[in-house]
Protein backbone atom coordinates (compact mmCIF):
# COMPACT_ATOMS: atom_id res chain seq x y z
CA MET A 1 129.07 14.87 -81.10
CA ASN A 2 127.10 17.31 -78.97
CA GLN A 3 123.93 16.03 -77.36
CA PRO A 4 120.73 18.00 -78.07
CA ALA A 5 119.36 20.08 -75.22
CA PHE A 6 116.39 17.75 -74.78
CA ALA A 7 118.72 14.84 -73.97
CA THR A 8 118.71 16.06 -70.35
CA ALA A 9 115.73 15.83 -68.00
CA GLU A 10 115.24 19.59 -67.81
CA GLY A 11 115.81 20.03 -71.53
CA LEU A 12 113.11 17.45 -72.30
CA ARG A 13 110.74 19.11 -69.82
CA LEU A 14 111.17 22.50 -71.49
CA LEU A 15 110.61 21.09 -74.97
CA LEU A 16 107.49 19.19 -73.86
CA LEU A 17 106.13 22.34 -72.25
CA ASP A 18 106.79 24.32 -75.46
CA LEU A 19 105.01 21.68 -77.54
CA ALA A 20 102.09 21.45 -75.12
CA TYR A 21 101.42 25.19 -75.16
CA ALA A 22 102.08 25.66 -78.88
CA GLY A 23 98.85 23.90 -79.83
CA PRO A 24 97.77 20.51 -81.16
CA ARG A 25 99.65 20.88 -84.46
CA ALA A 26 103.02 21.55 -82.83
CA TRP A 27 104.07 17.90 -82.82
CA HIS A 28 103.49 17.78 -86.59
CA THR A 29 105.21 21.04 -87.54
CA SER A 30 108.03 21.56 -85.03
CA PRO A 31 111.52 20.59 -86.32
CA GLU A 32 112.54 19.96 -82.70
CA ALA A 33 109.69 17.48 -82.28
CA ALA A 34 110.88 15.57 -85.36
CA GLU A 35 114.44 15.60 -84.02
CA LEU A 36 113.17 14.37 -80.64
CA MET A 37 111.38 11.39 -82.20
CA THR A 38 114.48 10.47 -84.24
CA TYR A 39 116.55 10.69 -81.07
CA THR A 40 113.97 8.54 -79.25
CA MET A 41 114.16 5.81 -81.90
CA ASP A 42 117.94 5.70 -81.52
CA LYS A 43 117.76 5.84 -77.72
CA TYR A 44 115.31 2.94 -77.37
CA ALA A 45 116.41 0.84 -80.37
CA GLY A 46 118.26 -1.62 -78.12
CA LEU A 47 115.30 -1.89 -75.76
CA ALA A 48 112.96 -2.50 -78.69
CA HIS A 49 115.17 -5.24 -80.12
CA LYS A 50 115.34 -6.87 -76.67
CA TYR A 51 111.60 -7.52 -76.85
CA GLY A 52 111.56 -8.36 -80.55
CA MET A 53 110.05 -5.03 -81.57
CA GLU A 54 111.13 -2.22 -83.90
CA PRO A 55 112.56 1.20 -82.87
CA THR A 56 109.46 2.82 -84.39
CA ASP A 57 107.33 0.89 -81.88
CA ALA A 58 109.39 2.36 -79.04
CA ALA A 59 109.11 5.85 -80.52
CA ALA A 60 105.32 5.51 -80.81
CA ALA A 61 105.10 4.49 -77.15
CA ALA A 62 107.35 7.40 -76.15
CA PHE A 63 105.20 9.83 -78.16
CA GLU A 64 102.09 8.77 -76.26
CA VAL A 65 103.62 9.25 -72.82
CA MET A 66 105.43 12.49 -73.74
CA ARG A 67 102.07 14.18 -74.38
CA MET A 68 100.87 13.47 -70.83
CA ARG A 69 100.96 16.23 -68.24
CA SER A 70 102.31 13.84 -65.61
CA THR A 71 105.44 13.39 -67.73
CA ARG A 72 106.07 17.12 -67.97
CA VAL A 73 105.80 17.62 -64.21
CA ALA A 74 107.77 14.51 -63.19
CA GLU A 75 111.09 14.95 -61.43
CA ASP A 76 112.84 13.11 -64.28
CA PRO A 77 110.74 13.05 -67.48
CA TRP A 78 113.18 10.72 -69.24
CA ALA A 79 112.81 8.16 -66.45
CA VAL A 80 109.03 8.28 -66.85
CA VAL A 81 109.31 7.86 -70.62
CA THR A 82 111.77 4.97 -70.34
CA HIS A 83 109.58 3.10 -67.85
CA ALA A 84 106.45 3.60 -69.94
CA VAL A 85 108.20 2.56 -73.17
CA GLU A 86 109.54 -0.62 -71.58
CA LEU A 87 106.10 -1.56 -70.21
CA THR A 88 104.50 -0.96 -73.61
CA LEU A 89 107.12 -3.04 -75.40
CA ILE A 90 106.73 -5.85 -72.89
CA TYR A 91 102.95 -5.97 -73.35
CA GLU A 92 103.11 -5.61 -77.14
CA SER A 93 105.65 -8.41 -77.34
CA ARG A 94 103.49 -10.48 -75.01
CA ALA A 95 100.42 -9.77 -77.16
CA GLU A 96 102.21 -10.99 -80.28
CA GLY A 97 103.26 -14.18 -78.53
CA LEU A 98 99.79 -14.87 -77.15
CA LEU A 99 98.02 -13.83 -80.38
CA CYS A 100 95.82 -11.34 -78.53
CA SER A 101 95.38 -7.60 -78.12
CA THR A 102 97.76 -5.48 -76.03
CA GLY A 103 94.93 -4.81 -73.56
CA GLN A 104 94.38 -8.53 -73.05
CA ALA A 105 98.12 -9.06 -72.68
CA ARG A 106 98.17 -6.49 -69.86
CA LYS A 107 95.53 -8.51 -68.03
CA THR A 108 97.72 -11.61 -68.15
CA ALA A 109 100.47 -9.88 -66.14
CA GLY A 110 101.55 -12.26 -63.37
CA LEU A 111 100.02 -15.32 -65.06
CA ASP A 112 102.28 -18.07 -66.35
CA TYR A 113 100.95 -18.18 -69.90
CA HIS A 114 103.36 -19.33 -72.58
CA ASP A 115 103.41 -18.06 -76.15
CA ALA A 116 101.10 -19.72 -78.63
CA GLU A 117 102.63 -22.72 -80.37
CA ARG A 118 101.55 -25.38 -82.85
CA PHE A 119 101.21 -28.97 -81.74
CA ALA A 120 103.49 -29.92 -84.63
CA ASP A 121 106.32 -27.79 -83.20
CA ARG A 122 107.13 -30.63 -80.75
CA ASP A 123 107.90 -34.28 -81.40
CA SER A 124 106.31 -35.50 -78.18
CA GLU A 125 102.60 -35.77 -77.47
CA ILE A 126 100.94 -32.77 -75.78
CA ALA A 127 99.95 -34.91 -72.78
CA ASP A 128 103.62 -35.65 -72.13
CA TYR A 129 104.67 -32.05 -71.60
CA HIS A 130 101.67 -29.78 -70.97
CA PRO A 131 100.95 -29.17 -67.24
CA ALA A 132 97.22 -29.10 -67.87
CA PHE A 133 97.39 -32.87 -68.27
CA HIS A 134 99.42 -33.47 -65.10
CA PHE A 135 97.66 -34.22 -61.83
CA HIS A 136 100.40 -35.50 -59.51
CA ALA A 137 100.73 -32.09 -57.80
CA MET A 138 97.15 -32.33 -56.57
CA MET A 139 97.75 -35.75 -55.04
CA ALA A 140 99.89 -34.34 -52.24
CA ASP A 141 96.86 -32.97 -50.38
CA PRO A 142 93.54 -33.80 -52.06
CA TYR A 143 91.65 -31.89 -49.36
CA ALA A 144 93.59 -28.66 -49.74
CA THR A 145 91.58 -25.63 -50.76
CA ARG A 146 92.62 -22.30 -52.15
CA PRO A 147 91.04 -18.89 -51.51
CA ARG A 148 88.48 -18.02 -54.15
CA ASN A 149 87.33 -14.73 -55.54
CA PRO A 150 83.62 -13.74 -55.54
CA ASP A 151 83.13 -15.25 -59.03
CA GLY A 152 84.30 -18.65 -57.83
CA GLU A 153 87.70 -18.63 -59.53
CA PRO A 154 90.97 -19.19 -57.61
CA THR A 155 92.35 -15.95 -56.22
CA ASN A 156 95.83 -14.96 -57.42
CA ALA A 157 97.89 -11.90 -58.20
CA PHE A 158 95.90 -11.25 -61.39
CA PHE A 159 92.54 -11.07 -59.61
CA ALA A 160 94.05 -9.10 -56.72
CA LEU A 161 95.49 -6.48 -59.10
CA ASP A 162 92.31 -6.29 -61.17
CA ASN A 163 90.11 -5.95 -58.08
CA ALA A 164 92.44 -3.33 -56.61
CA VAL A 165 91.96 -1.27 -59.79
CA LYS A 166 88.17 -1.69 -59.48
CA PHE A 167 88.34 -0.61 -55.83
CA PHE A 168 90.14 2.61 -56.81
CA VAL A 169 87.81 3.28 -59.77
CA ASP A 170 84.71 2.85 -57.59
CA LEU A 171 86.18 5.45 -55.23
CA GLY A 172 86.54 8.11 -57.92
CA TRP A 173 89.80 7.30 -59.69
CA ALA A 174 89.99 7.38 -63.48
CA PRO A 175 90.36 3.79 -64.80
CA ARG A 176 93.57 4.57 -66.72
CA THR A 177 95.17 6.26 -63.72
CA ALA A 178 94.12 3.48 -61.35
CA ARG A 179 95.50 0.79 -63.68
CA LEU A 180 98.80 2.64 -64.15
CA GLY A 181 99.20 3.16 -60.40
CA MET A 182 98.45 -0.45 -59.48
CA GLU A 183 100.76 -1.86 -62.17
CA TYR A 184 103.53 0.51 -61.17
CA ILE A 185 103.30 -0.48 -57.50
CA ALA A 186 102.85 -4.19 -58.27
CA ALA A 187 105.93 -4.17 -60.53
CA ARG A 188 108.05 -2.71 -57.72
CA LEU A 189 106.58 -5.19 -55.22
CA SER A 190 107.46 -8.02 -57.59
CA ARG A 191 111.07 -6.84 -57.79
CA CYS A 192 111.46 -6.19 -54.06
CA GLY A 193 109.58 -9.27 -52.88
CA ASP A 194 108.52 -7.60 -49.62
CA PRO A 195 105.75 -4.96 -49.18
CA ARG A 196 107.75 -2.97 -46.62
CA VAL A 197 110.83 -2.83 -48.83
CA ALA A 198 108.67 -1.86 -51.80
CA PHE A 199 106.97 0.84 -49.70
CA GLN A 200 110.27 2.43 -48.71
CA SER A 201 111.61 2.20 -52.26
CA LEU A 202 108.53 3.88 -53.76
CA ARG A 203 108.33 6.44 -50.95
CA ARG A 204 111.84 7.74 -51.59
CA GLU A 205 111.59 8.19 -55.35
CA GLY A 206 109.80 11.13 -56.95
CA ASP A 207 108.22 9.53 -60.02
CA GLY A 208 105.10 8.10 -58.40
CA PRO A 209 103.24 11.36 -57.75
CA GLY A 210 104.09 12.51 -61.29
CA PHE A 211 102.76 9.28 -62.79
CA LEU A 212 99.40 9.70 -61.10
CA ASP A 213 99.31 13.52 -61.06
CA ILE A 214 98.86 13.64 -57.28
CA ARG A 215 100.71 15.31 -54.43
CA GLN A 216 103.35 13.58 -52.33
CA ASP A 217 101.06 13.20 -49.32
CA ALA A 218 98.39 11.57 -51.50
CA TRP A 219 101.05 9.26 -52.95
CA LEU A 220 101.95 8.11 -49.44
CA SER A 221 98.27 7.43 -48.76
CA VAL A 222 98.11 5.28 -51.89
CA LEU A 223 101.20 3.32 -50.82
CA ARG A 224 99.78 2.73 -47.33
CA ALA A 225 96.48 1.57 -48.81
CA VAL A 226 97.98 -0.75 -51.42
CA LEU A 227 101.05 -2.13 -49.63
CA GLY A 228 100.03 -1.70 -46.00
CA ASP A 229 101.09 0.76 -43.33
CA PRO A 230 104.64 -0.17 -42.19
CA HIS A 231 104.30 1.63 -38.85
CA PRO A 232 105.08 -0.79 -35.97
CA ASP A 233 101.85 0.15 -34.18
CA PHE A 234 99.80 -1.47 -36.97
CA GLU A 235 101.78 -4.72 -37.17
CA GLY A 236 99.46 -7.73 -37.34
CA THR A 237 96.39 -5.64 -38.20
CA ALA A 238 94.48 -5.39 -41.47
CA ARG A 239 95.99 -1.94 -41.97
CA SER A 240 99.48 -3.44 -42.08
CA ARG A 241 98.56 -5.99 -44.76
CA GLY A 242 97.52 -3.66 -47.54
CA LEU A 243 94.96 -3.89 -50.29
CA LEU A 244 96.85 -6.29 -52.59
CA GLN A 245 97.64 -8.76 -49.83
CA ARG A 246 94.10 -8.70 -48.46
CA LEU A 247 92.62 -9.34 -51.89
CA ALA A 248 95.13 -12.10 -52.65
CA THR A 249 94.25 -13.91 -49.42
CA GLY A 250 90.54 -14.04 -50.12
CA GLU A 251 88.93 -10.80 -48.90
CA ASN A 252 86.37 -9.40 -51.31
CA LEU A 253 85.54 -5.85 -52.33
CA VAL A 254 82.47 -5.64 -50.08
CA GLU A 255 84.65 -6.33 -47.03
CA LEU A 256 87.17 -3.75 -48.16
CA PHE A 257 84.52 -1.07 -48.70
CA ASP A 258 83.37 -1.76 -45.14
CA ASP A 259 86.85 -0.69 -44.02
CA HIS A 260 85.93 3.00 -44.01
CA LEU A 261 89.42 4.17 -43.05
CA LEU A 262 90.88 2.43 -46.10
CA ALA A 263 88.12 3.57 -48.45
CA ASP A 264 88.35 7.20 -47.28
CA GLU A 265 92.14 7.19 -47.68
CA VAL A 266 91.90 5.94 -51.28
CA GLU A 267 89.07 8.33 -52.17
CA GLU A 268 90.81 11.40 -50.75
CA ALA A 269 94.04 10.56 -52.58
CA SER A 270 92.30 10.71 -55.98
CA PRO A 271 93.47 13.50 -58.34
CA ASP A 272 89.82 14.52 -58.81
CA PHE A 273 88.87 14.51 -55.13
CA ALA A 274 87.26 17.78 -54.04
CA PRO A 275 87.06 18.32 -50.25
CA GLU A 276 83.94 19.79 -48.74
CA PRO A 277 84.12 23.56 -48.08
CA GLY A 278 86.09 24.16 -44.92
CA GLU A 279 87.82 20.77 -45.03
CA SER A 280 91.49 20.35 -45.79
CA ARG A 281 92.92 17.56 -47.88
CA VAL A 282 95.25 15.55 -45.68
């Protein structure tokens, strides 16, 4: 059976461009659009079932990302769609398990929350198995302290990611773009386990600039700001540690805004940044 033209990266790009310029009703009236959504349901059916969702859920997620300009201009639009669909399915599945909204489920990324369950689902008493009732781990060093965020709560990956998004938003980034960028980088960092490895991995691929609708040089600035500058000359300095690491180890946003080099780099990388007349965007 012959594959449709939009099954390839360039074929999908051309169809998305046609739909984008044909007007807002094109997705409802175009036979090719209907065929694309049917193809998408088949393509992501296995992925949807993996997370306990339906193929229609995957198609709805694909539809949302296919309408974005960043998808049309990405080096591989199908790769962008696949990544976005998987993230959406993960968070929707997580939301169902936690009995909360998808937005709240996104905020729990990196936290070890289990799915909601009834007390009657287990034969043993809750105090016998739930870690909230265990205290032996704290007995090892009763004087140990952990870094805390400005609100007094323990600092962890969740607060670091959330504060990194706030840092970008305060410097002119759109909240949705900032959240997408931070989650994209944090997901790669989680897989690589090392900021320098994650930096090189993200630097070599072409999807990042398309995700955020920024140029390659701005993408590199974002990576340096978030993961740290891997250049040997900066080893051991704050510049080498990166925004996520600095937030996770207790630095607050006020201290980061005082780092004018970091703040300027993030601000100038924004898609909406407009240089002063006569200045060039580096």
